[in-house]
N, C-alpha and C. Protein backbone atom coordinates (compact mmCIF):
# COMPACT_ATOMS: atom_id res chain seq x y z
N MET A 1 6.69 129.23 -154.78
CA MET A 1 5.66 128.84 -153.42
C MET A 1 4.80 128.08 -153.44
N ASN A 2 3.97 127.52 -152.96
CA ASN A 2 2.65 126.12 -153.15
C ASN A 2 1.93 126.56 -152.55
N ILE A 3 0.65 127.40 -152.89
CA ILE A 3 -0.12 126.92 -151.98
C ILE A 3 -1.75 126.28 -152.35
N ALA A 4 -1.66 125.53 -151.18
CA ALA A 4 -2.88 124.53 -151.19
C ALA A 4 -4.03 125.11 -150.15
N ILE A 5 -5.16 125.23 -150.89
CA ILE A 5 -6.17 125.53 -150.19
C ILE A 5 -7.61 124.76 -149.95
N ASP A 6 -7.80 124.01 -149.21
CA ASP A 6 -8.45 122.62 -149.00
C ASP A 6 -10.15 123.73 -147.94
N SER A 7 -11.95 124.08 -148.87
CA SER A 7 -11.79 124.53 -148.42
C SER A 7 -13.23 124.60 -148.93
N ASP A 8 -14.52 124.43 -148.04
CA ASP A 8 -15.89 124.45 -149.52
C ASP A 8 -16.04 125.56 -149.65
N ASP A 9 -15.76 126.60 -149.19
CA ASP A 9 -16.26 128.12 -149.79
C ASP A 9 -14.75 128.61 -151.22
N GLU A 10 -15.37 128.32 -152.48
CA GLU A 10 -14.60 128.75 -153.70
C GLU A 10 -13.94 130.33 -153.54
N GLU A 11 -15.08 130.82 -153.09
CA GLU A 11 -14.47 132.29 -152.86
C GLU A 11 -14.39 132.40 -151.72
N GLY A 12 -13.96 131.44 -150.45
CA GLY A 12 -13.22 131.91 -149.59
C GLY A 12 -11.19 131.84 -150.41
N LYS A 13 -11.47 130.62 -151.08
CA LYS A 13 -10.10 129.72 -151.67
C LYS A 13 -9.26 131.54 -152.26
N VAL A 14 -10.01 131.74 -152.82
CA VAL A 14 -9.36 132.96 -154.17
C VAL A 14 -8.60 134.24 -152.62
N ILE A 15 -9.79 134.74 -151.91
CA ILE A 15 -9.24 135.13 -150.88
C ILE A 15 -7.89 135.18 -149.52
N THR A 16 -8.44 134.05 -149.60
CA THR A 16 -7.21 133.23 -148.64
C THR A 16 -5.51 133.48 -149.48
N ARG A 17 -5.75 132.32 -150.63
CA ARG A 17 -4.85 132.22 -151.76
C ARG A 17 -3.74 133.68 -151.45
N GLU A 18 -4.96 135.19 -151.90
CA GLU A 18 -4.41 136.60 -152.32
C GLU A 18 -4.14 137.27 -151.27
N THR A 19 -4.40 136.69 -150.34
CA THR A 19 -4.11 137.49 -148.51
C THR A 19 -2.70 136.49 -148.11
N ILE A 20 -2.48 135.88 -148.72
CA ILE A 20 -1.38 134.81 -148.39
C ILE A 20 -0.16 135.60 -148.90
N ILE A 21 -0.32 135.48 -150.22
CA ILE A 21 1.11 135.93 -151.49
C ILE A 21 0.90 136.95 -150.48
N ASP A 22 -0.42 138.11 -150.48
CA ASP A 22 0.13 139.67 -149.69
C ASP A 22 1.21 139.46 -148.98
N ILE A 23 0.44 138.69 -147.73
CA ILE A 23 1.59 139.14 -145.67
C ILE A 23 2.88 137.93 -146.43
N VAL A 24 3.18 137.11 -147.66
CA VAL A 24 3.76 136.62 -147.34
C VAL A 24 5.23 137.90 -147.84
N GLN A 25 4.89 138.18 -148.65
CA GLN A 25 5.43 139.37 -150.05
C GLN A 25 5.70 140.78 -149.08
N ASP A 26 5.21 141.01 -147.96
CA ASP A 26 4.66 141.99 -147.50
C ASP A 26 6.12 141.34 -145.47
N LEU A 27 6.47 140.35 -145.30
CA LEU A 27 7.32 139.72 -144.55
C LEU A 27 8.33 139.18 -145.20
N ASN A 28 8.82 139.64 -146.51
CA ASN A 28 10.06 139.10 -147.52
C ASN A 28 10.53 138.80 -146.65
N LEU A 29 9.11 137.07 -147.72
CA LEU A 29 9.22 135.57 -147.12
C LEU A 29 9.05 134.47 -148.28
N THR A 30 9.36 135.28 -149.18
CA THR A 30 9.43 134.89 -151.01
C THR A 30 9.93 133.61 -150.91
N ASN A 31 11.44 134.21 -149.82
CA ASN A 31 12.66 133.50 -150.65
C ASN A 31 12.66 132.23 -149.74
N VAL A 32 11.62 132.00 -148.65
CA VAL A 32 12.41 131.24 -147.67
C VAL A 32 11.13 130.21 -147.16
N ILE A 33 9.76 130.79 -147.73
CA ILE A 33 8.76 129.70 -147.89
C ILE A 33 8.55 128.84 -148.81
N GLU A 34 8.69 127.32 -148.73
CA GLU A 34 8.09 126.87 -150.67
C GLU A 34 6.87 126.06 -150.03
N ASP A 35 6.22 125.71 -149.02
CA ASP A 35 4.93 125.26 -149.40
C ASP A 35 4.32 125.43 -147.92
N VAL A 36 3.25 126.11 -148.56
CA VAL A 36 1.42 127.15 -148.05
C VAL A 36 0.23 125.86 -147.22
N ASN A 37 -0.13 125.23 -147.05
CA ASN A 37 -1.54 124.84 -146.85
C ASN A 37 -2.09 125.61 -145.52
N VAL A 38 -3.58 125.03 -146.02
CA VAL A 38 -4.40 125.34 -145.89
C VAL A 38 -5.65 124.64 -145.19
N PHE A 39 -6.30 124.40 -144.15
CA PHE A 39 -7.69 123.71 -143.89
C PHE A 39 -8.38 124.41 -143.55
N VAL A 40 -9.62 125.06 -144.29
CA VAL A 40 -10.52 125.87 -143.37
C VAL A 40 -12.28 125.20 -143.67
N ARG A 41 -12.68 125.02 -142.64
CA ARG A 41 -14.05 125.36 -142.03
C ARG A 41 -14.82 126.00 -141.79
N PRO A 42 -15.52 126.53 -141.83
CA PRO A 42 -16.33 127.79 -141.37
C PRO A 42 -17.18 127.11 -140.26
N LYS A 43 -17.68 126.20 -140.73
CA LYS A 43 -19.22 125.57 -140.52
C LYS A 43 -18.99 125.09 -138.89
N GLU A 44 -17.63 123.87 -138.99
CA GLU A 44 -17.22 123.61 -137.37
C GLU A 44 -16.81 124.68 -136.23
N PRO A 45 -15.90 125.68 -136.62
CA PRO A 45 -15.04 126.74 -137.43
C PRO A 45 -13.68 126.11 -136.95
N VAL A 46 -12.91 125.93 -138.32
CA VAL A 46 -11.08 125.77 -137.83
C VAL A 46 -11.11 125.62 -139.33
N PHE A 47 -9.28 126.78 -138.51
CA PHE A 47 -8.95 126.86 -140.05
C PHE A 47 -7.48 126.90 -139.42
N ILE A 48 -7.22 125.68 -139.93
CA ILE A 48 -5.41 125.24 -139.66
C ILE A 48 -4.80 125.34 -141.13
N VAL A 49 -3.64 126.68 -141.07
CA VAL A 49 -3.00 126.73 -141.51
C VAL A 49 -1.06 126.64 -141.10
N LEU A 50 -0.39 125.42 -141.85
CA LEU A 50 0.59 125.42 -142.05
C LEU A 50 1.14 125.41 -143.36
N LEU A 51 2.31 125.75 -143.00
CA LEU A 51 3.88 126.23 -143.98
C LEU A 51 5.21 125.37 -143.59
N SER A 52 6.01 124.88 -144.58
CA SER A 52 7.13 124.87 -144.55
C SER A 52 8.65 125.79 -145.31
N SER A 53 9.58 126.08 -144.68
CA SER A 53 10.39 126.80 -144.95
C SER A 53 11.62 125.67 -145.68
N LYS A 54 13.00 127.06 -145.84
CA LYS A 54 13.59 126.21 -147.24
C LYS A 54 14.01 125.25 -145.17
N MET A 55 15.29 124.61 -145.81
CA MET A 55 16.03 124.77 -144.44
C MET A 55 17.52 125.56 -143.62
N GLY A 56 17.66 125.25 -142.75
CA GLY A 56 18.03 126.34 -142.06
C GLY A 56 17.83 128.19 -141.55
N ALA A 57 16.51 128.16 -142.53
CA ALA A 57 16.07 129.32 -142.93
C ALA A 57 15.97 130.16 -141.32
N TYR A 58 15.03 128.69 -140.84
CA TYR A 58 14.13 129.27 -139.12
C TYR A 58 15.47 129.00 -138.57
N GLU A 59 16.83 129.01 -137.95
CA GLU A 59 16.99 129.08 -137.50
C GLU A 59 17.56 131.01 -137.66
N GLN A 60 17.66 131.81 -139.29
CA GLN A 60 17.78 132.95 -138.36
C GLN A 60 16.99 133.82 -137.99
N LYS A 61 17.19 133.90 -137.05
CA LYS A 61 15.58 135.27 -135.46
C LYS A 61 15.31 135.89 -136.23
N ASN A 62 15.48 137.00 -137.57
CA ASN A 62 13.99 137.68 -138.07
C ASN A 62 13.03 136.87 -138.48
N VAL A 63 13.71 135.27 -138.95
CA VAL A 63 13.06 134.68 -140.62
C VAL A 63 11.71 134.40 -138.94
N ARG A 64 12.48 133.49 -138.04
CA ARG A 64 11.83 132.77 -137.04
C ARG A 64 10.44 133.80 -136.91
N LYS A 65 10.52 135.38 -136.62
CA LYS A 65 10.00 136.40 -135.89
C LYS A 65 8.93 136.17 -137.29
N ASN A 66 9.49 136.49 -138.68
CA ASN A 66 8.04 137.04 -140.10
C ASN A 66 7.73 135.41 -139.77
N ILE A 67 8.28 134.08 -139.72
CA ILE A 67 6.99 132.95 -139.96
C ILE A 67 6.24 132.80 -139.37
N THR A 68 6.62 133.36 -137.68
CA THR A 68 5.59 133.39 -136.75
C THR A 68 4.34 134.54 -136.76
N ASP A 69 4.64 135.75 -136.97
CA ASP A 69 3.74 136.43 -137.31
C ASP A 69 3.00 136.29 -139.08
N CYS A 70 3.18 135.49 -140.00
CA CYS A 70 2.87 135.69 -141.45
C CYS A 70 1.72 134.17 -140.79
N LEU A 71 1.69 133.22 -140.04
CA LEU A 71 1.17 132.61 -139.30
C LEU A 71 -0.12 133.06 -138.86
N LEU A 72 0.57 133.90 -137.54
CA LEU A 72 -0.94 134.43 -136.88
C LEU A 72 -1.89 135.11 -137.84
N ARG A 73 -0.82 136.25 -138.86
CA ARG A 73 -1.67 137.69 -139.84
C ARG A 73 -2.72 136.49 -140.69
N VAL A 74 -2.87 135.16 -141.28
CA VAL A 74 -3.62 134.47 -142.43
C VAL A 74 -4.88 134.02 -141.45
N ILE A 75 -4.48 133.64 -140.23
CA ILE A 75 -6.13 133.36 -140.26
C ILE A 75 -6.97 134.31 -139.70
N PRO A 76 -8.17 133.56 -139.83
CA PRO A 76 -8.91 134.48 -139.40
C PRO A 76 -9.45 135.68 -137.75
N GLU A 77 -10.16 136.46 -138.25
CA GLU A 77 -10.40 137.76 -137.24
C GLU A 77 -11.09 136.72 -136.31
N GLY A 78 -11.18 136.38 -134.86
CA GLY A 78 -12.27 135.72 -134.56
C GLY A 78 -12.30 134.50 -133.41
N PHE A 79 -10.83 134.07 -134.70
CA PHE A 79 -10.24 132.51 -134.43
C PHE A 79 -9.09 132.85 -133.20
N ARG A 80 -9.72 132.88 -131.84
CA ARG A 80 -8.42 132.71 -130.95
C ARG A 80 -8.35 132.29 -129.76
N VAL A 81 -9.04 130.70 -130.30
CA VAL A 81 -8.80 129.86 -129.26
C VAL A 81 -7.45 129.36 -130.44
N ARG A 82 -6.07 129.09 -130.72
CA ARG A 82 -5.07 129.02 -130.95
C ARG A 82 -4.20 127.78 -130.32
N LYS A 83 -3.78 126.40 -131.59
CA LYS A 83 -2.54 125.52 -130.97
C LYS A 83 -1.25 125.80 -132.09
N ARG A 84 0.22 125.53 -131.82
CA ARG A 84 1.12 125.19 -132.65
C ARG A 84 1.46 124.36 -132.66
N ILE A 85 1.84 124.29 -133.57
CA ILE A 85 2.54 122.47 -133.85
C ILE A 85 3.62 122.44 -134.76
N VAL A 86 5.68 122.21 -134.15
CA VAL A 86 6.32 123.03 -134.61
C VAL A 86 6.94 121.65 -135.36
N ASP A 87 7.82 120.96 -136.47
CA ASP A 87 8.38 120.13 -136.63
C ASP A 87 9.66 120.20 -137.73
N ASN A 88 10.63 120.36 -137.26
CA ASN A 88 11.74 120.75 -137.94
C ASN A 88 11.44 122.63 -138.47
N ASN A 89 11.22 122.07 -139.96
CA ASN A 89 11.05 123.74 -140.84
C ASN A 89 9.47 123.10 -141.07
N THR A 90 8.34 123.18 -140.49
CA THR A 90 7.18 122.82 -140.62
C THR A 90 6.59 123.51 -139.60
N PHE A 91 6.22 124.34 -139.31
CA PHE A 91 5.04 125.38 -138.25
C PHE A 91 3.49 124.61 -139.02
N ALA A 92 3.10 124.64 -137.96
CA ALA A 92 1.21 124.59 -138.55
C ALA A 92 0.29 124.96 -136.94
N ILE A 93 -0.53 126.01 -137.37
CA ILE A 93 -1.42 126.78 -135.90
C ILE A 93 -2.79 126.22 -136.26
N ILE A 94 -3.57 125.97 -135.26
CA ILE A 94 -4.98 125.68 -135.73
C ILE A 94 -5.90 126.49 -134.67
N ALA A 95 -6.60 126.71 -135.21
CA ALA A 95 -7.46 128.25 -134.87
C ALA A 95 -8.62 128.41 -135.04
N SER A 96 -9.32 128.14 -133.80
CA SER A 96 -11.24 128.21 -134.43
C SER A 96 -11.30 128.73 -132.63
N GLU A 97 -12.84 129.89 -132.56
CA GLU A 97 -13.87 130.42 -132.55
C GLU A 97 -14.33 129.51 -130.70
N ASP A 98 -14.08 128.01 -131.27
CA ASP A 98 -14.36 127.07 -129.78
C ASP A 98 -12.75 125.90 -129.57
N PRO A 99 -13.22 125.73 -128.70
CA PRO A 99 -11.95 124.12 -127.92
C PRO A 99 -10.91 124.02 -129.01
N ILE A 100 -10.00 123.43 -129.38
CA ILE A 100 -9.35 122.64 -130.36
C ILE A 100 -9.73 121.10 -129.86
N LYS A 101 -9.95 120.57 -131.63
CA LYS A 101 -10.93 119.58 -131.00
C LYS A 101 -9.74 118.36 -131.09
N GLY A 102 -8.96 117.65 -130.47
CA GLY A 102 -9.01 116.26 -131.50
C GLY A 102 -8.91 115.32 -132.61
N GLY A 103 -9.87 115.40 -133.40
CA GLY A 103 -9.33 115.41 -134.36
C GLY A 103 -9.00 116.34 -135.48
N TRP A 104 -8.84 117.77 -134.92
CA TRP A 104 -8.06 118.45 -136.04
C TRP A 104 -7.23 118.34 -135.36
N VAL A 105 -6.37 117.69 -134.19
CA VAL A 105 -4.69 118.10 -133.97
C VAL A 105 -4.07 116.84 -134.81
N LYS A 106 -4.88 115.88 -134.96
CA LYS A 106 -4.83 114.48 -136.20
C LYS A 106 -5.11 114.86 -137.62
N LYS A 107 -5.89 116.35 -137.44
CA LYS A 107 -5.24 116.46 -139.63
C LYS A 107 -4.40 117.28 -139.77
N ALA A 108 -3.45 118.81 -138.41
CA ALA A 108 -3.25 118.87 -138.35
C ALA A 108 -1.20 118.14 -139.06
N VAL A 109 -1.36 117.57 -137.64
CA VAL A 109 0.28 116.40 -137.85
C VAL A 109 -0.38 115.70 -139.47
N LYS A 110 -0.89 115.07 -139.82
CA LYS A 110 -0.93 114.60 -140.80
C LYS A 110 -0.80 115.18 -142.16
N MET A 111 -1.15 116.67 -141.78
CA MET A 111 -0.94 117.89 -143.40
C MET A 111 0.27 117.61 -143.04
N MET A 112 1.16 117.89 -142.34
CA MET A 112 3.12 118.11 -141.61
C MET A 112 3.08 117.09 -142.40
N ARG A 113 3.33 115.55 -142.06
CA ARG A 113 3.73 114.64 -142.13
C ARG A 113 3.62 114.61 -143.93
N ASP A 114 2.46 115.23 -144.79
CA ASP A 114 2.32 114.93 -146.26
C ASP A 114 3.14 116.19 -146.77
N ILE A 115 3.33 116.78 -145.73
CA ILE A 115 4.54 118.16 -146.88
C ILE A 115 5.23 117.72 -146.55
N GLN A 116 6.13 117.15 -145.01
CA GLN A 116 6.81 116.89 -145.29
C GLN A 116 7.51 115.16 -146.60
N ASN A 117 7.03 114.94 -146.51
CA ASN A 117 7.14 114.05 -147.76
C ASN A 117 6.89 113.84 -148.93
């Protein structure tokens, strides 16, 4: 599993990486998830988490539930405004304390395109 985190906060990167690894292991998704990309800007505030799963894995009912659970667990507390984007085997959630901005959606879509290529 590849994990990429784009954040201004170096300590936050380490904590986010450890959190993701723990959650993925807890949900038995280590053989399902290929990539996890996170974009964090606490001052805006925005948190985008994107993951891609192996082909066909999402079709299994329990895997689908666990992937959704994984995404929701990674989001920091207080980031209650959310938007989901799903495209084939790639999933993203944009989360914020504020209304979701169009630029954040564009960023998430770009991240999805990049991970699919």
